[in-house]
PDB file of N, CA and C in Angstrom:
ATOM      1  N   MET A   1       0.729  -0.957  -0.253  1.00  0.00           N
ATOM      2  CA  MET A   1       0.237  -0.206  -0.179  1.00  0.00           C
ATOM      3  C   MET A   1       1.216   1.015   0.198  1.00  0.00           C
ATOM      4  N   THR A   2       1.955   1.383   0.760  1.00  0.00           N
ATOM      5  CA  THR A   2       2.534   2.457   0.815  1.00  0.00           C
ATOM      6  C   THR A   2       3.689   2.688  -1.003  1.00  0.00           C
ATOM      7  N   VAL A   3       4.010   1.641  -1.241  1.00  0.00           N
ATOM      8  CA  VAL A   3       4.765   1.613  -2.098  1.00  0.00           C
ATOM      9  C   VAL A   3       3.613   2.259  -3.235  1.00  0.00           C
ATOM     10  N   ASP A   4       2.649   1.650  -3.220  1.00  0.00           N
ATOM     11  CA  ASP A   4       1.568   2.644  -4.344  1.00  0.00           C
ATOM     12  C   ASP A   4       0.999   3.845  -4.457  1.00  0.00           C
ATOM     13  N   ILE A   5       1.348   4.439  -3.089  1.00  0.00           N
ATOM     14  CA  ILE A   5       1.213   5.611  -2.859  1.00  0.00           C
ATOM     15  C   ILE A   5       2.840   6.588  -2.991  1.00  0.00           C
ATOM     16  N   CYS A   6       3.621   5.898  -2.992  1.00  0.00           N
ATOM     17  CA  CYS A   6       4.999   6.395  -3.350  1.00  0.00           C
ATOM     18  C   CYS A   6       5.376   6.290  -4.574  1.00  0.00           C
ATOM     19  N   LEU A   7       4.722   5.817  -4.972  1.00  0.00           N
ATOM     20  CA  LEU A   7       4.711   5.407  -7.150  1.00  0.00           C
ATOM     21  C   LEU A   7       4.232   6.143  -7.439  1.00  0.00           C
ATOM     22  N   ILE A   8       2.585   6.614  -6.907  1.00  0.00           N
ATOM     23  CA  ILE A   8       1.852   7.986  -7.650  1.00  0.00           C
ATOM     24  C   ILE A   8       2.652   9.271  -7.058  1.00  0.00           C
ATOM     25  N   ILE A   9       3.099   9.393  -5.825  1.00  0.00           N
ATOM     26  CA  ILE A   9       3.851  10.810  -6.015  1.00  0.00           C
ATOM     27  C   ILE A   9       5.178  11.129  -6.552  1.00  0.00           C
ATOM     28  N   VAL A  10       5.595  10.321  -6.406  1.00  0.00           N
ATOM     29  CA  VAL A  10       6.716  10.409  -7.609  1.00  0.00           C
ATOM     30  C   VAL A  10       6.438  10.262  -9.468  1.00  0.00           C
ATOM     31  N   PHE A  11       5.463   9.870  -9.248  1.00  0.00           N
ATOM     32  CA  PHE A  11       4.889   9.714 -10.889  1.00  0.00           C
ATOM     33  C   PHE A  11       4.361  11.049 -11.382  1.00  0.00           C
ATOM     34  N   LEU A  12       3.637  11.608 -10.109  1.00  0.00           N
ATOM     35  CA  LEU A  12       2.669  13.041  -9.831  1.00  0.00           C
ATOM     36  C   LEU A  12       3.964  14.052 -10.332  1.00  0.00           C
ATOM     37  N   ALA A  13       5.011  13.994  -9.460  1.00  0.00           N
ATOM     38  CA  ALA A  13       5.924  14.903  -9.843  1.00  0.00           C
ATOM     39  C   ALA A  13       6.993  14.637 -10.717  1.00  0.00           C
ATOM     40  N   LEU A  14       7.397  13.681 -11.355  1.00  0.00           N
ATOM     41  CA  LEU A  14       7.795  13.483 -12.774  1.00  0.00           C
ATOM     42  C   LEU A  14       6.221  14.143 -13.575  1.00  0.00           C
ATOM     43  N   PHE A  15       5.285  14.253 -13.851  1.00  0.00           N
ATOM     44  CA  PHE A  15       4.723  14.825 -14.873  1.00  0.00           C
ATOM     45  C   PHE A  15       4.342  16.485 -14.553  1.00  0.00           C
ATOM     46  N   LEU A  16       4.282  16.636 -13.451  1.00  0.00           N
ATOM     47  CA  LEU A  16       4.654  18.318 -13.378  1.00  0.00           C
ATOM     48  C   LEU A  16       5.383  18.900 -13.453  1.00  0.00           C
ATOM     49  N   GLY A  17       7.317  18.241 -12.865  1.00  0.00           N
ATOM     50  CA  GLY A  17       8.103  18.713 -13.568  1.00  0.00           C
ATOM     51  C   GLY A  17       8.112  18.851 -15.535  1.00  0.00           C
ATOM     52  N   ALA A  18       7.341  17.906 -16.082  1.00  0.00           N
ATOM     53  CA  ALA A  18       7.756  17.883 -17.281  1.00  0.00           C
ATOM     54  C   ALA A  18       6.917  19.161 -18.150  1.00  0.00           C
ATOM     55  N   VAL A  19       5.682  19.472 -17.343  1.00  0.00           N
ATOM     56  CA  VAL A  19       4.784  20.018 -17.643  1.00  0.00           C
ATOM     57  C   VAL A  19       5.814  21.491 -17.347  1.00  0.00           C
ATOM     58  N   VAL A  20       5.914  21.752 -16.594  1.00  0.00           N
ATOM     59  CA  VAL A  20       6.486  23.091 -15.938  1.00  0.00           C
ATOM     60  C   VAL A  20       7.968  23.528 -17.030  1.00  0.00           C
ATOM     61  N   LEU A  21       8.650  22.252 -17.613  1.00  0.00           N
ATOM     62  CA  LEU A  21       9.616  22.562 -18.586  1.00  0.00           C
ATOM     63  C   LEU A  21       9.111  22.661 -19.790  1.00  0.00           C
ATOM     64  N   VAL A  22       8.435  21.924 -20.234  1.00  0.00           N
ATOM     65  CA  VAL A  22       7.509  22.020 -21.330  1.00  0.00           C
ATOM     66  C   VAL A  22       6.815  23.568 -21.810  1.00  0.00           C
ATOM     67  N   ALA A  23       6.326  24.143 -20.295  1.00  0.00           N
ATOM     68  CA  ALA A  23       5.983  25.534 -20.337  1.00  0.00           C
ATOM     69  C   ALA A  23       7.211  26.493 -20.846  1.00  0.00           C
ATOM     70  N   PHE A  24       8.423  26.307 -19.768  1.00  0.00           N
ATOM     71  CA  PHE A  24       9.355  27.007 -19.809  1.00  0.00           C
ATOM     72  C   PHE A  24      10.211  26.971 -20.849  1.00  0.00           C
ATOM     73  N   ILE A  25      10.492  26.349 -21.738  1.00  0.00           N
ATOM     74  CA  ILE A  25      10.520  25.964 -23.345  1.00  0.00           C
ATOM     75  C   ILE A  25       9.586  26.355 -24.084  1.00  0.00           C
ATOM     76  N   ALA A  26       8.547  26.663 -24.333  1.00  0.00           N
ATOM     77  CA  ALA A  26       7.461  27.340 -25.014  1.00  0.00           C
ATOM     78  C   ALA A  26       7.924  29.049 -25.085  1.00  0.00           C
ATOM     79  N   LEU A  27       8.069  29.532 -23.802  1.00  0.00           N
ATOM     80  CA  LEU A  27       8.283  31.125 -23.269  1.00  0.00           C
ATOM     81  C   LEU A  27       9.222  31.446 -23.520  1.00  0.00           C
ATOM     82  N   THR A  28      10.450  30.504 -23.532  1.00  0.00           N
ATOM     83  CA  THR A  28      11.536  31.008 -23.617  1.00  0.00           C
ATOM     84  C   THR A  28      11.455  31.125 -25.106  1.00  0.00           C
ATOM     85  N   ALA A  29      11.420  30.384 -25.952  1.00  0.00           N
ATOM     86  CA  ALA A  29      11.066  30.064 -27.397  1.00  0.00           C
ATOM     87  C   ALA A  29      10.449  31.428 -28.007  1.00  0.00           C
ATOM     88  N   SER A  30       9.213  31.805 -27.523  1.00  0.00           N
ATOM     89  CA  SER A  30       8.427  32.823 -27.992  1.00  0.00           C
ATOM     90  C   SER A  30       9.485  34.529 -27.672  1.00  0.00           C
ATOM     91  N   ILE A  31      10.113  34.545 -26.560  1.00  0.00           N
ATOM     92  CA  ILE A  31      10.667  35.747 -26.008  1.00  0.00           C
ATOM     93  C   ILE A  31      11.994  35.414 -27.145  1.00  0.00           C
ATOM     94  N   ARG A  32      12.696  34.644 -27.498  1.00  0.00           N
ATOM     95  CA  ARG A  32      13.509  35.037 -28.546  1.00  0.00           C
ATOM     96  C   ARG A  32      12.943  34.840 -29.692  1.00  0.00           C
ATOM     97  N   ARG A  33      11.971  34.606 -30.244  1.00  0.00           N
ATOM     98  CA  ARG A  33      11.451  35.124 -31.508  1.00  0.00           C
ATOM     99  C   ARG A  33      11.161  36.378 -31.853  1.00  0.00           C
ATOM    100  N   GLN A  34      10.350  36.556 -30.570  1.00  0.00           N
ATOM    101  CA  GLN A  34       9.803  38.450 -30.499  1.00  0.00           C
ATOM    102  C   GLN A  34      10.850  39.167 -30.552  1.00  0.00           C
ATOM    103  N   ASP A  35      12.310  38.492 -30.029  1.00  0.00           N
ATOM    104  CA  ASP A  35      13.196  39.715 -29.865  1.00  0.00           C
ATOM    105  C   ASP A  35      13.902  39.300 -30.976  1.00  0.00           C
ATOM    106  N   ARG A  36      14.148  38.359 -31.639  1.00  0.00           N
ATOM    107  CA  ARG A  36      14.516  38.227 -33.134  1.00  0.00           C
ATOM    108  C   ARG A  36      13.652  38.990 -34.326  1.00  0.00           C
ATOM    109  N   ARG A  37      12.090  39.195 -34.375  1.00  0.00           N
ATOM    110  CA  ARG A  37      12.011  39.667 -35.316  1.00  0.00           C
ATOM    111  C   ARG A  37      11.399  41.419 -34.180  1.00  0.00           C
ATOM    112  N   MET A  38      12.172  41.462 -33.284  1.00  0.00           N
ATOM    113  CA  MET A  38      12.335  43.130 -32.991  1.00  0.00           C
ATOM    114  C   MET A  38      10.675  43.444 -33.122  1.00  0.00           C
ATOM    115  N   SER A  39       9.534  42.893 -32.167  1.00  0.00           N
ATOM    116  CA  SER A  39       8.269  43.548 -32.696  1.00  0.00           C
ATOM    117  C   SER A  39       7.873  43.569 -31.051  1.00  0.00           C
ATOM    118  N   LEU A  40       8.305  44.029 -30.327  1.00  0.00           N
ATOM    119  CA  LEU A  40       7.764  44.398 -29.175  1.00  0.00           C
ATOM    120  C   LEU A  40       6.778  45.470 -29.472  1.00  0.00           C
ATOM    121  N   ALA A  41       7.396  46.613 -30.565  1.00  0.00           N
ATOM    122  CA  ALA A  41       6.569  48.019 -30.654  1.00  0.00           C
ATOM    123  C   ALA A  41       4.814  47.478 -31.095  1.00  0.00           C
ATOM    124  N   GLY A  42       4.562  46.079 -31.699  1.00  0.00           N
ATOM    125  CA  GLY A  42       2.749  46.114 -32.426  1.00  0.00           C
ATOM    126  C   GLY A  42       2.872  45.301 -31.258  1.00  0.00           C
ATOM    127  N   GLY A  43       1.775  44.784 -31.308  1.00  0.00           N
ATOM    128  CA  GLY A  43       0.984  43.838 -30.930  1.00  0.00           C
ATOM    129  C   GLY A  43       1.106  42.649 -30.869  1.00  0.00           C
ATOM    130  N   PRO A  44       0.922  41.478 -29.942  1.00  0.00           N
ATOM    131  CA  PRO A  44       1.829  40.220 -30.262  1.00  0.00           C
ATOM    132  C   PRO A  44       0.633  39.149 -31.367  1.00  0.00           C
ATOM    133  N   ARG A  45       1.346  38.615 -32.109  1.00  0.00           N
ATOM    134  CA  ARG A  45       0.845  38.026 -33.349  1.00  0.00           C
ATOM    135  C   ARG A  45      -0.059  36.977 -33.088  1.00  0.00           C
ATOM    136  N   THR A  46       0.647  36.031 -31.793  1.00  0.00           N
ATOM    137  CA  THR A  46       0.009  34.918 -32.120  1.00  0.00           C
ATOM    138  C   THR A  46      -0.310  34.603 -30.047  1.00  0.00           C
ATOM    139  N   SER A  47      -1.334  34.166 -30.126  1.00  0.00           N
ATOM    140  CA  SER A  47      -1.758  33.441 -28.795  1.00  0.00           C
ATOM    141  C   SER A  47      -0.636  33.660 -27.811  1.00  0.00           C
ATOM    142  N   LEU A  48       0.446  32.437 -27.959  1.00  0.00           N
ATOM    143  CA  LEU A  48       1.266  32.032 -27.446  1.00  0.00           C
ATOM    144  C   LEU A  48       2.223  33.478 -27.016  1.00  0.00           C
ATOM    145  N   ASP A  49       2.147  34.275 -27.831  1.00  0.00           N
ATOM    146  CA  ASP A  49       2.719  35.887 -27.888  1.00  0.00           C
ATOM    147  C   ASP A  49       2.274  36.744 -27.329  1.00  0.00           C
ATOM    148  N   GLY A  50       0.937  36.662 -26.634  1.00  0.00           N
ATOM    149  CA  GLY A  50       0.199  37.510 -25.975  1.00  0.00           C
ATOM    150  C   GLY A  50       0.050  36.866 -24.695  1.00  0.00           C
ATOM    151  N   ALA A  51       0.325  35.661 -24.539  1.00  0.00           N
ATOM    152  CA  ALA A  51       0.624  34.566 -23.434  1.00  0.00           C
ATOM    153  C   ALA A  51       2.186  35.353 -22.420  1.00  0.00           C
ATOM    154  N   THR A  52       2.906  35.177 -23.444  1.00  0.00           N
ATOM    155  CA  THR A  52       4.295  35.348 -22.743  1.00  0.00           C
ATOM    156  C   THR A  52       4.528  36.718 -22.390  1.00  0.00           C
ATOM    157  N   ARG A  53       3.992  37.569 -23.225  1.00  0.00           N
ATOM    158  CA  ARG A  53       4.098  39.102 -22.618  1.00  0.00           C
ATOM    159  C   ARG A  53       3.193  39.275 -21.552  1.00  0.00           C
ATOM    160  N   ARG A  54       2.567  38.794 -21.480  1.00  0.00           N
ATOM    161  CA  ARG A  54       1.542  38.863 -20.357  1.00  0.00           C
ATOM    162  C   ARG A  54       2.225  38.134 -18.804  1.00  0.00           C
ATOM    163  N   LEU A  55       2.603  37.074 -19.109  1.00  0.00           N
ATOM    164  CA  LEU A  55       3.345  36.455 -18.008  1.00  0.00           C
ATOM    165  C   LEU A  55       4.837  36.892 -17.646  1.00  0.00           C
ATOM    166  N   VAL A  56       5.046  37.720 -18.570  1.00  0.00           N
ATOM    167  CA  VAL A  56       6.613  38.417 -18.221  1.00  0.00           C
ATOM    168  C   VAL A  56       6.591  39.917 -17.663  1.00  0.00           C
ATOM    169  N   GLY A  57       5.434  40.693 -18.315  1.00  0.00           N
ATOM    170  CA  GLY A  57       4.779  41.428 -18.095  1.00  0.00           C
ATOM    171  C   GLY A  57       5.539  43.005 -19.100  1.00  0.00           C
ATOM    172  N   VAL A  58       5.117  43.000 -20.589  1.00  0.00           N
ATOM    173  CA  VAL A  58       5.886  43.558 -21.443  1.00  0.00           C
ATOM    174  C   VAL A  58       4.459  43.929 -21.827  1.00  0.00           C
ATOM    175  N   HIS A  59       3.924  45.360 -21.576  1.00  0.00           N
ATOM    176  CA  HIS A  59       2.973  45.887 -22.142  1.00  0.00           C
ATOM    177  C   HIS A  59       3.590  47.209 -23.520  1.00  0.00           C
ATOM    178  N   VAL A  60       2.733  47.448 -24.444  1.00  0.00           N
ATOM    179  CA  VAL A  60       2.988  48.322 -25.637  1.00  0.00           C
ATOM    180  C   VAL A  60       2.173  49.714 -25.160  1.00  0.00           C
ATOM    181  N   ARG A  61       2.740  50.578 -25.251  1.00  0.00           N
ATOM    182  CA  ARG A  61       1.930  52.037 -25.047  1.00  0.00           C
ATOM    183  C   ARG A  61       2.145  52.709 -26.430  1.00  0.00           C
ATOM    184  N   HIS A  62       0.889  53.381 -27.029  1.00  0.00           N
ATOM    185  CA  HIS A  62       0.829  53.770 -27.961  1.00  0.00           C
ATOM    186  C   HIS A  62       0.763  55.181 -27.597  1.00  0.00           C
ATOM    187  N   CYS A  63       1.636  56.745 -28.492  1.00  0.00           N
ATOM    188  CA  CYS A  63       1.390  57.280 -28.347  1.00  0.00           C
ATOM    189  C   CYS A  63       0.785  58.140 -29.875  1.00  0.00           C
ATOM    190  N   HIS A  64      -0.717  58.507 -29.600  1.00  0.00           N
ATOM    191  CA  HIS A  64      -1.624  59.277 -30.508  1.00  0.00           C
ATOM    192  C   HIS A  64      -1.006  60.766 -30.781  1.00  0.00           C
ATOM    193  N   ASP A  65      -1.052  61.168 -32.277  1.00  0.00           N
ATOM    194  CA  ASP A  65      -1.329  62.817 -31.921  1.00  0.00           C
ATOM    195  C   ASP A  65      -1.997  63.401 -31.617  1.00  0.00           C
ATOM    196  N   THR A  66      -3.379  62.656 -32.008  1.00  0.00           N
ATOM    197  CA  THR A  66      -4.249  63.602 -30.993  1.00  0.00           C
ATOM    198  C   THR A  66      -4.741  63.497 -29.906  1.00  0.00           C
ATOM    199  N   ALA A  67      -3.984  62.810 -29.126  1.00  0.00           N
ATOM    200  CA  ALA A  67      -4.139  62.072 -27.568  1.00  0.00           C
ATOM    201  C   ALA A  67      -3.490  63.704 -26.745  1.00  0.00           C
ATOM    202  N   PRO A  68      -4.570  64.017 -25.820  1.00  0.00           N
ATOM    203  CA  PRO A  68      -4.690  65.195 -25.043  1.00  0.00           C
ATOM    204  C   PRO A  68      -3.101  65.470 -24.104  1.00  0.00           C
ATOM    205  N   GLY A  69      -2.774  66.401 -24.409  1.00  0.00           N
ATOM    206  CA  GLY A  69      -1.422  66.660 -23.496  1.00  0.00           C
ATOM    207  C   GLY A  69      -0.170  65.896 -24.180  1.00  0.00           C
ATOM    208  N   PHE A  70      -0.206  65.916 -25.814  1.00  0.00           N
ATOM    209  CA  PHE A  70       0.706  65.397 -26.288  1.00  0.00           C
ATOM    210  C   PHE A  70       1.718  66.506 -27.014  1.00  0.00           C
ATOM    211  N   HIS A  71       2.755  66.537 -26.411  1.00  0.00           N
ATOM    212  CA  HIS A  71       3.564  67.252 -27.004  1.00  0.00           C
ATOM    213  C   HIS A  71       4.929  66.879 -27.981  1.00  0.00           C
ATOM    214  N   ASP A  72       4.522  67.748 -28.742  1.00  0.00           N
ATOM    215  CA  ASP A  72       5.726  67.219 -30.217  1.00  0.00           C
ATOM    216  C   ASP A  72       7.335  67.406 -29.876  1.00  0.00           C
ATOM    217  N   VAL A  73       8.131  66.292 -29.283  1.00  0.00           N
ATOM    218  CA  VAL A  73       9.573  66.947 -28.804  1.00  0.00           C
ATOM    219  C   VAL A  73      10.238  66.985 -29.849  1.00  0.00           C
ATOM    220  N   ARG A  74      10.136  66.914 -31.558  1.00  0.00           N
ATOM    221  CA  ARG A  74      10.815  66.916 -32.475  1.00  0.00           C
ATOM    222  C   ARG A  74      10.545  67.996 -33.373  1.00  0.00           C
ATOM    223  N   ARG A  75      10.964  69.224 -32.911  1.00  0.00           N
ATOM    224  CA  ARG A  75      10.336  70.803 -33.191  1.00  0.00           C
ATOM    225  C   ARG A  75      11.707  70.353 -34.158  1.00  0.00           C
TER     226      ARG A  75
END
């Protein structure tokens, strides 16, 4: 009985470790792809890119010429 519980715990730990490893590899690949494309200025292209930006905390701010209080510093 105790051997069965130990095996279940070991298999569960291995499964969760594999899930974390796959998620880490996917996020790392997404970060490298966005950095290589230099695509952080626009919106995310795929849902994985969007999830990566949300997890890492990268947000894009857009300045519009019609925004109140906007001053053109390139005069």
